[in-house]
Amino acid sequence: MKYLLSAVLCAGTLTVVTPPPVEAGAISRACLSAGRKASSPALCRCIQRVANNSLSRGERKTVAKWFKDPHQAQVVRQSSRSSDERLWKKYRAFGSRASKVCG
């Protein structure tokens, strides 16, 4: 009886910790929907994590569109606007980091 009571009391103090749900970001969704052979949920999540640490929310939204229309990346790369030049440099740095971190 003592053992049962102790077990019940101990069980009452335990809490189940569940990880928070992982929300797919714009980059991850675009990566998965791009239809490339090498895409996998794990790879796309990794790329999203790197993007979260490398690009602003607006930049991530812009870059996500490039998965569907890569020509837009070239438009930004060849643009003479200083804001496009900054975005392109950040994108290149992000791509390099993602390649190193995610394989």
N, C-alpha and C. Protein backbone atom coordinates (compact mmCIF):
# COMPACT_ATOMS: atom_id res chain seq x y z
N MET A 1 0.83 -1.19 0.00
CA MET A 1 0.00 0.00 0.00
C MET A 1 0.87 1.25 0.00
N LYS A 2 1.93 1.24 0.86
CA LYS A 2 2.85 2.38 0.89
C LYS A 2 3.48 2.61 -0.47
N TYR A 3 3.87 1.50 -1.11
CA TYR A 3 4.51 1.59 -2.43
C TYR A 3 3.56 2.19 -3.45
N LEU A 4 2.31 1.77 -3.45
CA LEU A 4 1.32 2.27 -4.39
C LEU A 4 1.08 3.75 -4.17
N LEU A 5 0.96 4.16 -2.92
CA LEU A 5 0.75 5.57 -2.61
C LEU A 5 1.94 6.41 -3.05
N SER A 6 3.15 5.92 -2.82
CA SER A 6 4.36 6.64 -3.25
C SER A 6 4.41 6.76 -4.77
N ALA A 7 4.04 5.71 -5.46
CA ALA A 7 4.05 5.71 -6.92
C ALA A 7 3.05 6.72 -7.47
N VAL A 8 1.87 6.76 -6.85
CA VAL A 8 0.84 7.70 -7.29
C VAL A 8 1.28 9.14 -7.04
N LEU A 9 1.87 9.39 -5.88
CA LEU A 9 2.35 10.74 -5.57
C LEU A 9 3.46 11.17 -6.51
N CYS A 10 4.38 10.25 -6.80
CA CYS A 10 5.47 10.57 -7.73
C CYS A 10 4.93 10.82 -9.13
N ALA A 11 4.00 10.01 -9.54
CA ALA A 11 3.43 10.16 -10.88
C ALA A 11 2.73 11.50 -11.01
N GLY A 12 2.12 11.97 -9.92
CA GLY A 12 1.43 13.25 -9.95
C GLY A 12 2.37 14.43 -10.10
N THR A 13 3.64 14.25 -9.73
CA THR A 13 4.59 15.36 -9.83
C THR A 13 5.32 15.38 -11.16
N LEU A 14 5.20 14.31 -11.93
CA LEU A 14 5.85 14.28 -13.23
C LEU A 14 5.03 15.05 -14.25
N THR A 15 5.69 15.77 -15.09
CA THR A 15 4.99 16.46 -16.16
C THR A 15 5.56 15.99 -17.48
N VAL A 16 4.72 15.93 -18.43
CA VAL A 16 5.15 15.52 -19.76
C VAL A 16 5.56 16.77 -20.52
N VAL A 17 6.76 16.76 -21.00
CA VAL A 17 7.26 17.89 -21.76
C VAL A 17 7.26 17.52 -23.23
N THR A 18 6.50 18.26 -23.99
CA THR A 18 6.47 18.02 -25.43
C THR A 18 7.10 19.21 -26.12
N PRO A 19 7.86 18.94 -27.16
CA PRO A 19 8.48 20.05 -27.87
C PRO A 19 7.43 20.90 -28.56
N PRO A 20 7.71 22.20 -28.72
CA PRO A 20 6.75 23.05 -29.41
C PRO A 20 6.65 22.62 -30.88
N PRO A 21 5.49 22.83 -31.47
CA PRO A 21 5.34 22.43 -32.87
C PRO A 21 6.28 23.23 -33.75
N VAL A 22 6.84 22.56 -34.73
CA VAL A 22 7.75 23.21 -35.65
C VAL A 22 6.92 23.78 -36.80
N GLU A 23 7.02 25.08 -36.97
CA GLU A 23 6.29 25.71 -38.06
C GLU A 23 7.21 25.83 -39.26
N ALA A 24 6.71 25.42 -40.38
CA ALA A 24 7.50 25.52 -41.60
C ALA A 24 7.53 26.97 -42.04
N GLY A 25 8.71 27.47 -42.30
CA GLY A 25 8.85 28.83 -42.78
C GLY A 25 8.75 28.88 -44.29
N ALA A 26 8.82 30.07 -44.81
CA ALA A 26 8.68 30.28 -46.26
C ALA A 26 9.74 29.52 -47.04
N ILE A 27 10.97 29.53 -46.55
CA ILE A 27 12.06 28.85 -47.25
C ILE A 27 11.82 27.34 -47.24
N SER A 28 11.45 26.79 -46.10
CA SER A 28 11.21 25.36 -45.99
C SER A 28 10.08 24.91 -46.91
N ARG A 29 8.99 25.67 -46.91
CA ARG A 29 7.86 25.32 -47.78
C ARG A 29 8.26 25.38 -49.25
N ALA A 30 8.99 26.43 -49.61
CA ALA A 30 9.43 26.57 -51.00
C ALA A 30 10.39 25.45 -51.39
N CYS A 31 11.27 25.10 -50.48
CA CYS A 31 12.23 24.02 -50.72
C CYS A 31 11.49 22.71 -50.99
N LEU A 32 10.50 22.40 -50.16
CA LEU A 32 9.76 21.16 -50.32
C LEU A 32 8.92 21.14 -51.59
N SER A 33 8.38 22.27 -51.97
CA SER A 33 7.49 22.30 -53.13
C SER A 33 8.24 22.50 -54.45
N ALA A 34 9.55 22.71 -54.38
CA ALA A 34 10.33 22.95 -55.60
C ALA A 34 10.46 21.70 -56.46
N GLY A 35 10.26 20.53 -55.87
CA GLY A 35 10.29 19.31 -56.65
C GLY A 35 11.67 18.83 -57.04
N ARG A 36 12.68 19.24 -56.32
CA ARG A 36 14.03 18.78 -56.63
C ARG A 36 14.27 17.42 -55.98
N LYS A 37 15.05 16.57 -56.65
CA LYS A 37 15.29 15.22 -56.15
C LYS A 37 15.95 15.22 -54.78
N ALA A 38 16.88 16.11 -54.54
CA ALA A 38 17.64 16.12 -53.28
C ALA A 38 16.84 16.70 -52.11
N SER A 39 15.70 17.29 -52.38
CA SER A 39 14.90 17.90 -51.30
C SER A 39 14.35 16.82 -50.38
N SER A 40 14.46 17.08 -49.10
CA SER A 40 13.85 16.21 -48.10
C SER A 40 13.37 17.12 -46.97
N PRO A 41 12.41 16.67 -46.19
CA PRO A 41 11.95 17.50 -45.08
C PRO A 41 13.09 17.91 -44.14
N ALA A 42 14.00 17.00 -43.86
CA ALA A 42 15.11 17.32 -42.95
C ALA A 42 16.03 18.37 -43.55
N LEU A 43 16.35 18.23 -44.82
CA LEU A 43 17.22 19.21 -45.49
C LEU A 43 16.54 20.57 -45.54
N CYS A 44 15.28 20.60 -45.90
CA CYS A 44 14.56 21.87 -46.00
C CYS A 44 14.42 22.55 -44.64
N ARG A 45 14.22 21.77 -43.56
CA ARG A 45 14.18 22.36 -42.22
C ARG A 45 15.53 22.95 -41.86
N CYS A 46 16.60 22.26 -42.22
CA CYS A 46 17.94 22.76 -41.93
C CYS A 46 18.18 24.08 -42.67
N ILE A 47 17.82 24.12 -43.93
CA ILE A 47 18.00 25.34 -44.72
C ILE A 47 17.17 26.48 -44.10
N GLN A 48 15.97 26.17 -43.64
CA GLN A 48 15.13 27.18 -43.00
C GLN A 48 15.78 27.72 -41.74
N ARG A 49 16.38 26.83 -40.93
CA ARG A 49 17.05 27.29 -39.71
C ARG A 49 18.20 28.24 -40.04
N VAL A 50 18.97 27.91 -41.06
CA VAL A 50 20.07 28.79 -41.47
C VAL A 50 19.50 30.11 -41.96
N ALA A 51 18.43 30.05 -42.73
CA ALA A 51 17.80 31.28 -43.24
C ALA A 51 17.30 32.15 -42.09
N ASN A 52 16.73 31.52 -41.06
CA ASN A 52 16.23 32.28 -39.91
C ASN A 52 17.35 33.06 -39.24
N ASN A 53 18.56 32.52 -39.26
CA ASN A 53 19.69 33.17 -38.62
C ASN A 53 20.46 34.10 -39.56
N SER A 54 20.13 34.05 -40.86
CA SER A 54 20.91 34.81 -41.84
C SER A 54 20.13 35.95 -42.51
N LEU A 55 18.84 35.77 -42.65
CA LEU A 55 18.03 36.70 -43.43
C LEU A 55 16.87 37.23 -42.59
N SER A 56 16.44 38.45 -42.91
CA SER A 56 15.26 39.00 -42.25
C SER A 56 14.02 38.28 -42.77
N ARG A 57 12.89 38.51 -42.11
CA ARG A 57 11.64 37.86 -42.54
C ARG A 57 11.30 38.23 -43.99
N GLY A 58 11.42 39.50 -44.31
CA GLY A 58 11.12 39.95 -45.67
C GLY A 58 12.08 39.35 -46.69
N GLU A 59 13.35 39.25 -46.32
CA GLU A 59 14.34 38.65 -47.22
C GLU A 59 14.04 37.17 -47.43
N ARG A 60 13.62 36.49 -46.36
CA ARG A 60 13.27 35.07 -46.50
C ARG A 60 12.09 34.89 -47.44
N LYS A 61 11.11 35.78 -47.36
CA LYS A 61 9.95 35.70 -48.25
C LYS A 61 10.37 35.91 -49.71
N THR A 62 11.26 36.87 -49.92
CA THR A 62 11.75 37.13 -51.28
C THR A 62 12.53 35.95 -51.82
N VAL A 63 13.45 35.44 -51.02
CA VAL A 63 14.29 34.32 -51.45
C VAL A 63 13.44 33.07 -51.69
N ALA A 64 12.39 32.87 -50.90
CA ALA A 64 11.52 31.71 -51.08
C ALA A 64 10.89 31.72 -52.47
N LYS A 65 10.58 32.89 -52.97
CA LYS A 65 9.99 33.00 -54.31
C LYS A 65 10.98 32.56 -55.39
N TRP A 66 12.26 32.67 -55.10
CA TRP A 66 13.28 32.29 -56.07
C TRP A 66 13.32 30.78 -56.31
N PHE A 67 12.83 29.98 -55.38
CA PHE A 67 12.78 28.53 -55.58
C PHE A 67 11.86 28.21 -56.75
N LYS A 68 10.76 28.95 -56.86
CA LYS A 68 9.79 28.71 -57.93
C LYS A 68 10.20 29.41 -59.23
N ASP A 69 10.83 30.57 -59.09
CA ASP A 69 11.22 31.37 -60.26
C ASP A 69 12.67 31.83 -60.12
N PRO A 70 13.64 30.95 -60.41
CA PRO A 70 15.05 31.29 -60.24
C PRO A 70 15.49 32.51 -61.05
N HIS A 71 14.76 32.82 -62.10
CA HIS A 71 15.12 34.00 -62.91
C HIS A 71 15.08 35.27 -62.07
N GLN A 72 14.19 35.33 -61.09
CA GLN A 72 14.09 36.52 -60.23
C GLN A 72 15.37 36.72 -59.42
N ALA A 73 16.04 35.64 -59.07
CA ALA A 73 17.33 35.76 -58.38
C ALA A 73 18.34 36.44 -59.30
N GLN A 74 18.32 36.08 -60.57
CA GLN A 74 19.24 36.70 -61.52
C GLN A 74 18.92 38.17 -61.75
N VAL A 75 17.65 38.50 -61.72
CA VAL A 75 17.24 39.91 -61.85
C VAL A 75 17.84 40.72 -60.70
N VAL A 76 17.75 40.18 -59.48
CA VAL A 76 18.32 40.88 -58.33
C VAL A 76 19.83 40.93 -58.43
N ARG A 77 20.44 39.84 -58.84
CA ARG A 77 21.91 39.79 -58.95
C ARG A 77 22.43 40.82 -59.94
N GLN A 78 21.73 41.02 -61.02
CA GLN A 78 22.18 41.93 -62.06
C GLN A 78 21.68 43.36 -61.89
N SER A 79 20.88 43.58 -60.88
CA SER A 79 20.31 44.90 -60.64
C SER A 79 21.40 45.88 -60.19
N SER A 80 21.20 47.15 -60.50
CA SER A 80 22.14 48.18 -60.05
C SER A 80 21.66 48.87 -58.78
N ARG A 81 20.53 48.45 -58.25
CA ARG A 81 20.01 49.04 -57.01
C ARG A 81 20.85 48.58 -55.83
N SER A 82 21.16 49.49 -54.93
CA SER A 82 21.99 49.14 -53.77
C SER A 82 21.28 48.15 -52.85
N SER A 83 19.96 48.26 -52.74
CA SER A 83 19.21 47.33 -51.88
C SER A 83 19.28 45.91 -52.45
N ASP A 84 19.22 45.79 -53.78
CA ASP A 84 19.35 44.47 -54.40
C ASP A 84 20.76 43.92 -54.22
N GLU A 85 21.75 44.78 -54.28
CA GLU A 85 23.13 44.35 -54.08
C GLU A 85 23.32 43.82 -52.65
N ARG A 86 22.75 44.53 -51.67
CA ARG A 86 22.83 44.06 -50.27
C ARG A 86 22.13 42.72 -50.11
N LEU A 87 20.95 42.58 -50.70
CA LEU A 87 20.21 41.32 -50.61
C LEU A 87 21.01 40.19 -51.26
N TRP A 88 21.61 40.46 -52.41
CA TRP A 88 22.37 39.42 -53.09
C TRP A 88 23.57 38.97 -52.25
N LYS A 89 24.24 39.92 -51.62
CA LYS A 89 25.38 39.55 -50.77
C LYS A 89 24.94 38.72 -49.58
N LYS A 90 23.81 39.10 -48.97
CA LYS A 90 23.29 38.32 -47.84
C LYS A 90 22.84 36.93 -48.31
N TYR A 91 22.26 36.88 -49.49
CA TYR A 91 21.81 35.60 -50.04
C TYR A 91 23.00 34.67 -50.30
N ARG A 92 24.06 35.21 -50.86
CA ARG A 92 25.26 34.41 -51.12
C ARG A 92 25.86 33.89 -49.81
N ALA A 93 25.92 34.73 -48.80
CA ALA A 93 26.44 34.32 -47.49
C ALA A 93 25.52 33.24 -46.89
N PHE A 94 24.22 33.42 -47.02
CA PHE A 94 23.26 32.43 -46.53
C PHE A 94 23.47 31.10 -47.25
N GLY A 95 23.61 31.14 -48.57
CA GLY A 95 23.81 29.92 -49.36
C GLY A 95 25.08 29.19 -48.95
N SER A 96 26.12 29.94 -48.71
CA SER A 96 27.38 29.33 -48.29
C SER A 96 27.23 28.66 -46.93
N ARG A 97 26.58 29.37 -45.99
CA ARG A 97 26.35 28.79 -44.65
C ARG A 97 25.46 27.56 -44.73
N ALA A 98 24.40 27.63 -45.50
CA ALA A 98 23.48 26.50 -45.63
C ALA A 98 24.19 25.30 -46.21
N SER A 99 25.06 25.53 -47.17
CA SER A 99 25.82 24.44 -47.78
C SER A 99 26.73 23.76 -46.75
N LYS A 100 27.37 24.56 -45.93
CA LYS A 100 28.28 24.01 -44.90
C LYS A 100 27.51 23.28 -43.80
N VAL A 101 26.43 23.90 -43.34
CA VAL A 101 25.69 23.36 -42.20
C VAL A 101 24.81 22.18 -42.60
N CYS A 102 24.16 22.28 -43.74
CA CYS A 102 23.15 21.29 -44.13
C CYS A 102 23.68 20.22 -45.08
N GLY A 103 24.87 20.46 -45.61
CA GLY A 103 25.46 19.44 -46.49
C GLY A 103 25.09 19.62 -47.87
